[in-house]
Each structure stands twice: as structure tokens, then as C-alpha cells.
């Protein structure tokens, strides 16, 4: 007779919101994002990378 322990239970993965950078920039390459009283600029580069600056 063989005894096996059950597989460990995995905690549910919390749902994280997903946003399209193209939607945030409305098809352009810049968007302003506010956090509290700070404004940040999100930029999509020609290489398709994202840069977030204060």
C-alpha cells in the first residue's frame, strides 16, 4: 500500500487590471498619468518600449 500526500493547494491569483498602452495614449505615443498630486508622462518609443517619467 502506498501513501501519497495531496498536491499543495495554490492560493488564488489576484486579478490585476490590464491596460493597453495604445488605449492610454489614444493611438499616439504620449499619455499623462496622475497619481495623487503628481503627473507622470508615459511615452511609447519608436522601438515599442515604454518610458514613464515625472
N, C-alpha and C. Protein backbone atom coordinates (compact mmCIF):
# COMPACT_ATOMS: atom_id res chain seq x y z
N UNK A 1 0.84 -1.16 0.00
CA UNK A 1 0.00 0.00 0.00
C UNK A 1 0.89 1.24 0.00
N UNK A 2 0.56 2.22 -0.83
CA UNK A 2 1.37 3.42 -1.00
C UNK A 2 0.59 4.63 -0.51
N UNK A 3 1.26 5.48 0.25
CA UNK A 3 0.62 6.70 0.74
C UNK A 3 1.24 7.90 0.04
N UNK A 4 0.40 8.69 -0.56
CA UNK A 4 0.84 9.91 -1.25
C UNK A 4 0.16 11.10 -0.62
N UNK A 5 0.92 12.15 -0.43
CA UNK A 5 0.29 13.36 0.10
C UNK A 5 -0.36 14.11 -1.06
N UNK A 6 -1.47 14.76 -0.79
CA UNK A 6 -2.14 15.50 -1.86
C UNK A 6 -1.27 16.67 -2.30
N UNK A 7 -1.43 17.11 -3.55
CA UNK A 7 -0.64 18.26 -4.01
C UNK A 7 -0.98 19.49 -3.18
N UNK A 8 0.00 20.37 -2.97
CA UNK A 8 -0.29 21.57 -2.16
C UNK A 8 -1.33 22.45 -2.85
N UNK A 9 -2.18 23.04 -2.04
CA UNK A 9 -3.20 23.93 -2.58
C UNK A 9 -2.54 25.24 -2.98
N UNK A 10 -2.92 25.75 -4.14
CA UNK A 10 -2.38 27.02 -4.61
C UNK A 10 -3.34 28.12 -4.24
N UNK A 11 -2.78 29.21 -3.74
CA UNK A 11 -3.60 30.37 -3.42
C UNK A 11 -4.13 30.97 -4.72
N UNK A 12 -5.36 31.44 -4.72
CA UNK A 12 -5.89 32.05 -5.95
C UNK A 12 -5.05 33.28 -6.34
N UNK A 13 -4.83 33.41 -7.63
CA UNK A 13 -4.08 34.54 -8.15
C UNK A 13 -4.98 35.76 -8.18
N UNK A 14 -4.56 36.86 -7.54
CA UNK A 14 -5.42 38.05 -7.58
C UNK A 14 -5.49 38.61 -9.01
N UNK A 15 -6.63 39.14 -9.35
CA UNK A 15 -6.82 39.71 -10.67
C UNK A 15 -6.18 41.10 -10.70
N UNK A 16 -5.33 41.29 -11.69
CA UNK A 16 -4.63 42.56 -11.86
C UNK A 16 -5.19 43.24 -13.10
N UNK A 17 -5.56 44.53 -12.99
CA UNK A 17 -6.09 45.21 -14.18
C UNK A 17 -5.03 45.27 -15.29
N UNK A 18 -5.49 45.16 -16.52
CA UNK A 18 -4.61 45.23 -17.68
C UNK A 18 -5.09 46.37 -18.57
N UNK A 19 -4.16 47.24 -18.95
CA UNK A 19 -4.48 48.38 -19.81
C UNK A 19 -3.57 48.36 -21.02
N UNK A 20 -4.11 48.66 -22.17
CA UNK A 20 -3.31 48.77 -23.38
C UNK A 20 -2.66 50.15 -23.41
N UNK A 21 -1.35 50.20 -23.61
CA UNK A 21 -0.65 51.48 -23.71
C UNK A 21 -1.19 52.28 -24.89
N UNK A 22 -1.55 51.59 -25.96
CA UNK A 22 -2.12 52.29 -27.13
C UNK A 22 -3.46 52.94 -26.78
N UNK A 23 -4.25 52.27 -25.93
CA UNK A 23 -5.51 52.88 -25.49
C UNK A 23 -5.25 54.09 -24.60
N UNK A 24 -4.26 53.98 -23.70
CA UNK A 24 -3.95 55.10 -22.83
C UNK A 24 -3.45 56.31 -23.60
N UNK A 25 -2.72 56.07 -24.69
CA UNK A 25 -2.20 57.17 -25.50
C UNK A 25 -3.15 57.54 -26.63
N UNK A 26 -4.29 56.88 -26.68
CA UNK A 26 -5.31 57.12 -27.72
C UNK A 26 -4.70 57.05 -29.12
N UNK A 27 -3.84 56.05 -29.32
CA UNK A 27 -3.24 55.82 -30.64
C UNK A 27 -1.99 56.64 -30.89
N UNK A 28 -1.65 57.56 -29.99
CA UNK A 28 -0.45 58.36 -30.16
C UNK A 28 0.72 57.70 -29.45
N UNK A 29 1.64 58.54 -28.97
CA UNK A 29 2.78 57.97 -28.25
C UNK A 29 3.00 58.60 -26.88
N UNK A 30 2.08 59.47 -26.43
CA UNK A 30 2.19 60.11 -25.11
C UNK A 30 0.88 60.06 -24.35
N UNK A 31 0.98 59.91 -23.03
CA UNK A 31 -0.19 59.98 -22.15
C UNK A 31 0.27 60.58 -20.83
N UNK A 32 -0.61 61.30 -20.18
CA UNK A 32 -0.36 61.84 -18.85
C UNK A 32 -1.07 60.93 -17.85
N UNK A 33 -0.36 60.54 -16.80
CA UNK A 33 -0.91 59.68 -15.76
C UNK A 33 -0.76 60.41 -14.43
N UNK A 34 -1.85 60.52 -13.69
CA UNK A 34 -1.81 61.21 -12.40
C UNK A 34 -1.86 60.20 -11.27
N UNK A 35 -1.02 60.46 -10.25
CA UNK A 35 -1.02 59.68 -9.02
C UNK A 35 -0.96 60.69 -7.88
N UNK A 36 -2.07 60.84 -7.19
CA UNK A 36 -2.15 61.88 -6.16
C UNK A 36 -2.02 63.24 -6.83
N UNK A 37 -1.06 64.04 -6.34
CA UNK A 37 -0.86 65.36 -6.95
C UNK A 37 0.31 65.38 -7.93
N UNK A 38 0.83 64.20 -8.28
CA UNK A 38 1.95 64.08 -9.22
C UNK A 38 1.44 63.69 -10.61
N UNK A 39 2.02 64.28 -11.65
CA UNK A 39 1.68 63.93 -13.02
C UNK A 39 2.90 63.29 -13.67
N UNK A 40 2.70 62.16 -14.30
CA UNK A 40 3.75 61.42 -14.97
C UNK A 40 3.44 61.37 -16.46
N UNK A 41 4.48 61.24 -17.28
CA UNK A 41 4.30 61.11 -18.72
C UNK A 41 4.69 59.71 -19.13
N UNK A 42 3.79 59.03 -19.82
CA UNK A 42 4.05 57.71 -20.39
C UNK A 42 4.33 57.91 -21.86
N UNK A 43 5.47 57.41 -22.32
CA UNK A 43 5.85 57.57 -23.72
C UNK A 43 6.15 56.21 -24.32
N UNK A 44 5.65 55.99 -25.54
CA UNK A 44 5.96 54.79 -26.31
C UNK A 44 7.07 55.19 -27.29
N UNK A 45 8.21 54.51 -27.22
CA UNK A 45 9.34 54.84 -28.09
C UNK A 45 9.14 54.24 -29.47
N UNK A 46 10.00 54.64 -30.42
CA UNK A 46 9.94 54.07 -31.77
C UNK A 46 10.21 52.57 -31.75
N UNK A 47 10.98 52.12 -30.74
CA UNK A 47 11.30 50.69 -30.62
C UNK A 47 10.19 49.91 -29.93
N UNK A 48 9.09 50.61 -29.53
CA UNK A 48 7.97 49.92 -28.89
C UNK A 48 8.16 49.70 -27.40
N UNK A 49 9.08 50.42 -26.80
CA UNK A 49 9.30 50.33 -25.35
C UNK A 49 8.51 51.43 -24.65
N UNK A 50 8.30 51.25 -23.34
CA UNK A 50 7.59 52.26 -22.56
C UNK A 50 8.55 52.99 -21.65
N UNK A 51 8.38 54.31 -21.55
CA UNK A 51 9.15 55.13 -20.62
C UNK A 51 8.16 55.93 -19.80
N UNK A 52 8.32 55.88 -18.48
CA UNK A 52 7.47 56.65 -17.56
C UNK A 52 8.37 57.64 -16.84
N UNK A 53 8.06 58.93 -17.00
CA UNK A 53 8.86 59.97 -16.37
C UNK A 53 7.98 60.91 -15.57
N UNK A 54 8.60 61.56 -14.60
CA UNK A 54 7.90 62.53 -13.76
C UNK A 54 7.88 63.88 -14.41
